[in-house]
Protein backbone atom coordinates (compact mmCIF):
# COMPACT_ATOMS: atom_id res chain seq x y z
CA MET A 1 -33.10 31.40 -21.12
CA ASN A 2 -36.45 30.54 -22.73
CA SER A 3 -37.63 31.91 -26.07
CA GLU A 4 -39.77 34.59 -24.43
CA SER A 5 -36.98 35.98 -22.25
CA ALA A 6 -34.54 35.81 -25.18
CA SER A 7 -36.37 38.62 -26.96
CA SER A 8 -37.67 40.74 -24.09
CA LYS A 9 -36.33 43.36 -21.76
CA ALA A 10 -36.99 44.93 -18.38
CA LEU A 11 -37.23 48.58 -17.40
CA VAL A 12 -36.26 49.42 -13.82
CA ILE A 13 -37.11 52.98 -12.73
CA GLY A 14 -35.57 54.21 -9.51
CA ALA A 15 -32.64 51.89 -10.15
CA GLY A 16 -30.48 53.43 -7.44
CA SER A 17 -32.57 51.93 -4.63
CA ALA A 18 -31.50 48.79 -2.80
CA ILE A 19 -34.53 46.79 -3.94
CA ALA A 20 -34.06 47.90 -7.55
CA GLN A 21 -30.41 46.85 -7.48
CA ALA A 22 -31.49 43.48 -6.06
CA LEU A 23 -34.04 43.15 -8.88
CA ILE A 24 -31.37 43.83 -11.48
CA ALA A 25 -29.04 41.29 -9.86
CA ALA A 26 -31.78 38.65 -9.69
CA MET A 27 -32.86 39.14 -13.30
CA THR A 28 -29.29 38.94 -14.58
CA HIS A 29 -28.61 35.82 -12.52
CA ASN A 30 -31.84 34.10 -13.56
CA HIS A 31 -31.79 35.40 -17.15
CA THR A 32 -35.38 36.56 -16.68
CA VAL A 33 -34.95 38.84 -19.70
CA SER A 34 -32.31 39.43 -22.35
CA GLU A 35 -31.73 43.13 -21.61
CA ILE A 36 -32.25 45.56 -18.73
CA VAL A 37 -32.72 49.32 -18.91
CA ALA A 38 -32.07 50.94 -15.52
CA VAL A 39 -33.14 54.53 -14.86
CA SER A 40 -32.14 56.70 -11.92
CA ARG A 41 -31.54 60.32 -11.09
CA THR A 42 -28.38 59.42 -9.15
CA MET A 43 -26.39 57.33 -11.63
CA PRO A 44 -22.84 58.71 -11.68
CA GLY A 45 -21.44 60.30 -14.80
CA GLN A 46 -22.85 59.90 -18.27
CA ASP A 47 -25.24 57.20 -19.40
CA THR A 48 -23.48 53.85 -19.64
CA CYS A 49 -24.02 50.29 -20.76
CA THR A 50 -22.43 47.42 -18.86
CA GLN A 51 -22.37 43.67 -19.35
CA THR A 52 -23.43 41.51 -16.39
CA ASN A 53 -23.56 37.71 -16.70
CA ASP A 54 -23.68 38.10 -20.51
CA MET A 55 -26.65 40.46 -20.20
CA PRO A 56 -26.52 44.11 -21.28
CA VAL A 57 -27.62 46.57 -18.59
CA SER A 58 -28.10 50.12 -19.85
CA TYR A 59 -28.00 52.82 -17.18
CA LEU A 60 -29.82 56.02 -18.07
CA SER A 61 -30.05 59.16 -15.95
CA CYS A 62 -33.27 61.14 -15.54
CA ASP A 63 -34.31 63.96 -13.23
CA TYR A 64 -37.93 62.70 -13.30
CA SER A 65 -39.35 65.93 -14.67
CA SER A 66 -42.14 65.51 -17.21
CA ALA A 67 -39.89 66.68 -20.04
CA ALA A 68 -37.03 64.38 -19.04
CA ILE A 69 -39.33 61.37 -18.70
CA ASN A 70 -40.82 61.94 -22.15
CA GLN A 71 -37.37 62.43 -23.67
CA LEU A 72 -36.07 59.21 -22.13
CA VAL A 73 -39.12 57.21 -23.21
CA ALA A 74 -38.60 58.53 -26.75
CA GLN A 75 -35.11 56.99 -26.63
CA LEU A 76 -36.69 53.64 -25.80
CA SER A 77 -38.67 53.77 -29.04
CA VAL A 78 -35.67 53.91 -31.38
CA PRO A 79 -34.64 50.79 -33.38
CA GLN A 80 -31.87 49.58 -31.06
CA HIS A 81 -34.46 49.22 -28.32
CA ASN A 82 -37.00 47.35 -30.45
CA ASN A 83 -37.32 44.26 -28.22
CA PRO A 84 -40.60 44.49 -26.30
CA PHE A 85 -40.69 45.14 -22.58
CA SER A 86 -41.87 42.16 -20.56
CA HIS A 87 -41.23 43.73 -17.16
CA VAL A 88 -41.51 47.31 -15.88
CA PHE A 89 -40.76 48.24 -12.27
CA ILE A 90 -41.27 51.69 -10.76
CA CYS A 91 -39.24 51.57 -7.55
CA THR A 92 -39.27 55.27 -6.71
CA GLY A 93 -40.68 56.67 -3.48
CA VAL A 94 -39.87 58.46 -0.25
CA LEU A 95 -41.14 58.19 3.32
CA HIS A 96 -38.71 60.56 5.00
CA ASN A 97 -35.55 62.55 4.35
CA GLU A 98 -33.46 65.13 6.15
CA HIS A 99 -36.38 67.57 6.42
CA ILE A 100 -39.46 65.31 6.23
CA LYS A 101 -40.70 62.98 8.95
CA PRO A 102 -43.99 61.04 9.02
CA GLU A 103 -46.63 63.01 10.91
CA LYS A 104 -47.86 61.64 14.23
CA ARG A 105 -50.71 64.14 14.61
CA LEU A 106 -52.55 66.81 12.64
CA GLU A 107 -50.40 69.57 14.11
CA ASP A 108 -47.41 68.08 12.28
CA LEU A 109 -48.89 68.65 8.82
CA ASP A 110 -46.85 70.96 6.59
CA ALA A 111 -48.07 72.00 3.15
CA ALA A 112 -44.65 72.05 1.48
CA GLN A 113 -43.66 68.65 2.85
CA MET A 114 -47.00 67.14 1.88
CA ALA A 115 -46.65 68.52 -1.65
CA GLU A 116 -43.14 67.06 -1.94
CA LEU A 117 -44.32 63.59 -0.96
CA MET A 118 -47.28 63.80 -3.33
CA HIS A 119 -44.94 64.78 -6.16
CA ILE A 120 -42.44 61.99 -5.54
CA ASN A 121 -44.84 59.21 -4.57
CA THR A 122 -47.80 59.97 -6.82
CA ILE A 123 -47.06 62.39 -9.64
CA VAL A 124 -43.73 60.94 -10.79
CA PRO A 125 -45.06 57.36 -11.13
CA ALA A 126 -48.16 58.74 -12.87
CA LEU A 127 -45.96 60.52 -15.42
CA TRP A 128 -44.12 57.27 -16.14
CA ILE A 129 -47.38 55.35 -16.54
CA GLN A 130 -48.56 58.05 -18.95
CA ALA A 131 -45.35 58.23 -20.99
CA LEU A 132 -44.87 54.47 -21.31
CA LEU A 133 -48.30 53.71 -22.77
CA PRO A 134 -47.25 54.15 -26.44
CA VAL A 135 -44.17 51.96 -25.91
CA LEU A 136 -46.01 49.22 -24.03
CA LYS A 137 -48.70 48.97 -26.71
CA GLN A 138 -46.11 46.96 -28.62
CA SER A 139 -45.63 44.44 -25.79
CA PRO A 140 -47.65 41.23 -26.20
CA ARG A 141 -47.25 40.51 -22.48
CA CYS A 142 -45.80 42.87 -19.86
CA VAL A 143 -46.05 42.95 -16.07
CA PHE A 144 -45.94 46.53 -14.79
CA SER A 145 -45.26 46.76 -11.06
CA VAL A 146 -45.42 50.06 -9.18
CA PHE A 147 -44.08 50.19 -5.63
CA SER A 148 -46.84 51.28 -3.28
CA ALA A 149 -47.37 50.49 0.43
CA ARG A 150 -49.94 48.80 2.61
CA VAL A 151 -50.51 52.10 4.44
CA GLY A 152 -51.95 53.43 1.17
CA SER A 153 -54.99 51.21 1.71
CA ILE A 154 -57.98 53.30 2.80
CA SER A 155 -59.94 50.34 4.13
CA ASP A 156 -56.94 48.97 6.05
CA ASN A 157 -56.16 52.23 7.89
CA HIS A 158 -56.76 51.46 11.56
CA LYS A 159 -53.79 53.23 13.17
CA GLY A 160 -53.84 56.72 11.65
CA GLY A 161 -50.80 58.98 11.43
CA TRP A 162 -48.40 59.34 8.52
CA TYR A 163 -50.85 61.66 6.77
CA SER A 164 -48.73 62.69 3.80
CA TYR A 165 -47.26 59.27 3.08
CA ARG A 166 -50.62 57.53 3.40
CA ALA A 167 -52.32 60.11 1.20
CA SER A 168 -49.60 59.96 -1.48
CA LYS A 169 -49.74 56.16 -1.66
CA ALA A 170 -53.56 56.11 -1.63
CA ALA A 171 -53.51 58.58 -4.52
CA LEU A 172 -50.93 56.43 -6.31
CA ASN A 173 -53.19 53.41 -5.89
CA MET A 174 -56.03 55.32 -7.53
CA VAL A 175 -53.75 56.28 -10.43
CA ILE A 176 -52.80 52.62 -10.89
CA LYS A 177 -56.37 51.36 -10.67
CA THR A 178 -57.63 54.01 -13.10
CA ALA A 179 -54.73 53.59 -15.53
CA ALA A 180 -55.32 49.83 -15.62
CA ILE A 181 -58.79 50.46 -17.05
CA GLU A 182 -57.33 52.55 -19.88
CA TYR A 183 -54.39 50.20 -20.44
CA ALA A 184 -56.85 47.30 -20.81
CA ARG A 185 -58.30 49.10 -23.83
CA ARG A 186 -55.16 50.57 -25.34
CA ALA A 187 -52.37 48.19 -24.26
CA PRO A 188 -54.20 44.95 -23.43
CA GLY A 189 -51.00 42.95 -23.03
CA VAL A 190 -50.03 44.90 -19.90
CA LYS A 191 -50.84 43.88 -16.32
CA LEU A 192 -50.58 46.74 -13.82
CA PHE A 193 -50.26 46.12 -10.12
CA ALA A 194 -49.39 48.02 -6.95
CA PHE A 195 -46.75 46.23 -4.87
CA HIS A 196 -46.17 46.40 -1.12
CA PRO A 197 -42.65 45.12 -0.42
CA GLY A 198 -43.08 44.88 3.35
CA THR A 199 -40.50 46.29 5.73
CA VAL A 200 -37.17 46.02 3.96
CA ASP A 201 -33.80 46.65 5.59
CA THR A 202 -33.04 49.84 3.69
CA ALA A 203 -32.50 53.51 4.52
CA LEU A 204 -36.23 54.17 3.98
CA SER A 205 -37.31 51.92 6.86
CA ARG A 206 -34.28 52.09 9.13
CA PRO A 207 -35.70 54.67 11.59
CA PHE A 208 -38.84 52.53 11.98
CA GLN A 209 -37.37 49.03 12.41
CA LYS A 210 -37.28 48.97 16.22
CA ASN A 211 -40.57 47.14 16.68
CA VAL A 212 -40.40 45.00 13.55
CA PRO A 213 -40.08 41.25 14.27
CA ALA A 214 -36.89 39.76 12.88
CA ASP A 215 -38.81 37.48 10.53
CA LYS A 216 -40.69 40.47 9.08
CA LEU A 217 -37.61 42.55 8.29
CA PHE A 218 -36.69 41.51 4.77
CA THR A 219 -33.53 41.80 2.73
CA PRO A 220 -33.73 43.50 -0.67
CA ALA A 221 -32.73 40.20 -2.30
CA PHE A 222 -35.66 38.39 -0.67
CA VAL A 223 -38.15 41.02 -1.80
CA ALA A 224 -36.73 41.00 -5.33
CA ALA A 225 -37.13 37.23 -5.53
CA GLN A 226 -40.69 37.47 -4.21
CA LEU A 227 -41.60 40.18 -6.70
CA LEU A 228 -40.22 38.25 -9.67
CA SER A 229 -42.16 35.19 -8.54
CA ILE A 230 -45.35 37.27 -8.39
CA CYS A 231 -44.64 38.60 -11.88
CA SER A 232 -44.48 35.06 -13.22
CA HIS A 233 -47.88 34.12 -11.79
CA VAL A 234 -49.98 37.31 -11.79
CA PRO A 235 -53.13 36.98 -13.92
CA PHE A 236 -53.50 39.08 -17.06
CA ASP A 237 -57.11 39.99 -16.36
CA GLY A 238 -57.29 43.61 -17.52
CA GLU A 239 -57.58 44.86 -13.95
CA ALA A 240 -55.18 46.39 -11.44
CA SER A 241 -54.05 44.28 -8.50
CA TYR A 242 -52.78 45.41 -5.10
CA LEU A 243 -50.43 42.76 -3.74
CA ASP A 244 -48.04 42.36 -0.85
CA TRP A 245 -44.62 40.71 -0.87
CA ALA A 246 -46.20 37.26 -0.47
CA GLY A 247 -48.54 37.79 -3.42
CA ALA A 248 -51.54 38.19 -1.11
CA PRO A 249 -54.14 40.79 -2.15
CA ILE A 250 -54.53 44.00 -0.13
CA THR A 251 -57.88 45.75 0.03
CA TRP A 252 -57.90 49.09 -1.72
């Protein structure tokens, strides 16, 4: 562990997802940081702290309401959490569930379903970006990655469909790009970027894997390793980036 990682910590939001769990495993194995705070709405039981490979991992539960997010972030400001964050990952998001499917045509649009996707994919990450600003002001250098998707690119939309998911990710991208301008003034040590993980073998993509080439269907561990590599090389330029799993830029 180098001197920088010895006094820094990571925040993983949406820690119940497969990619988030792979990120936590990779960071503990590589000693990327000295401490991990993992947040999820689905963590069982009360908040806990475990020790993995000599690294403390604190699991905190949150229902992702505005009040709960602000309350949890306030906990991160108390003395026992005084090491600065060097990594923040927002891994939340939904494409489908038991009552939502991606739309194939305009007739499939449903106001309630669209609002639900906008809330989960856009509003919740925006609330985290808002709430974390005072905490991240103290970080001399922090990479802040928010999981987006290539289909959120307006200029790259050539196939259509998936109205709600596309719109929610496009809106998220605008939140990230706009927040990066303000962060550059108020928390200049933070680098914000939208991250497209590709098609990962998880529950989110499983119904849509049929036509995915085998070499383009990634494991969570592969994506986690790619993301951590990107975090170690991304430029701190005061601007938002929109990057895929290989670190290649995506047009907004």
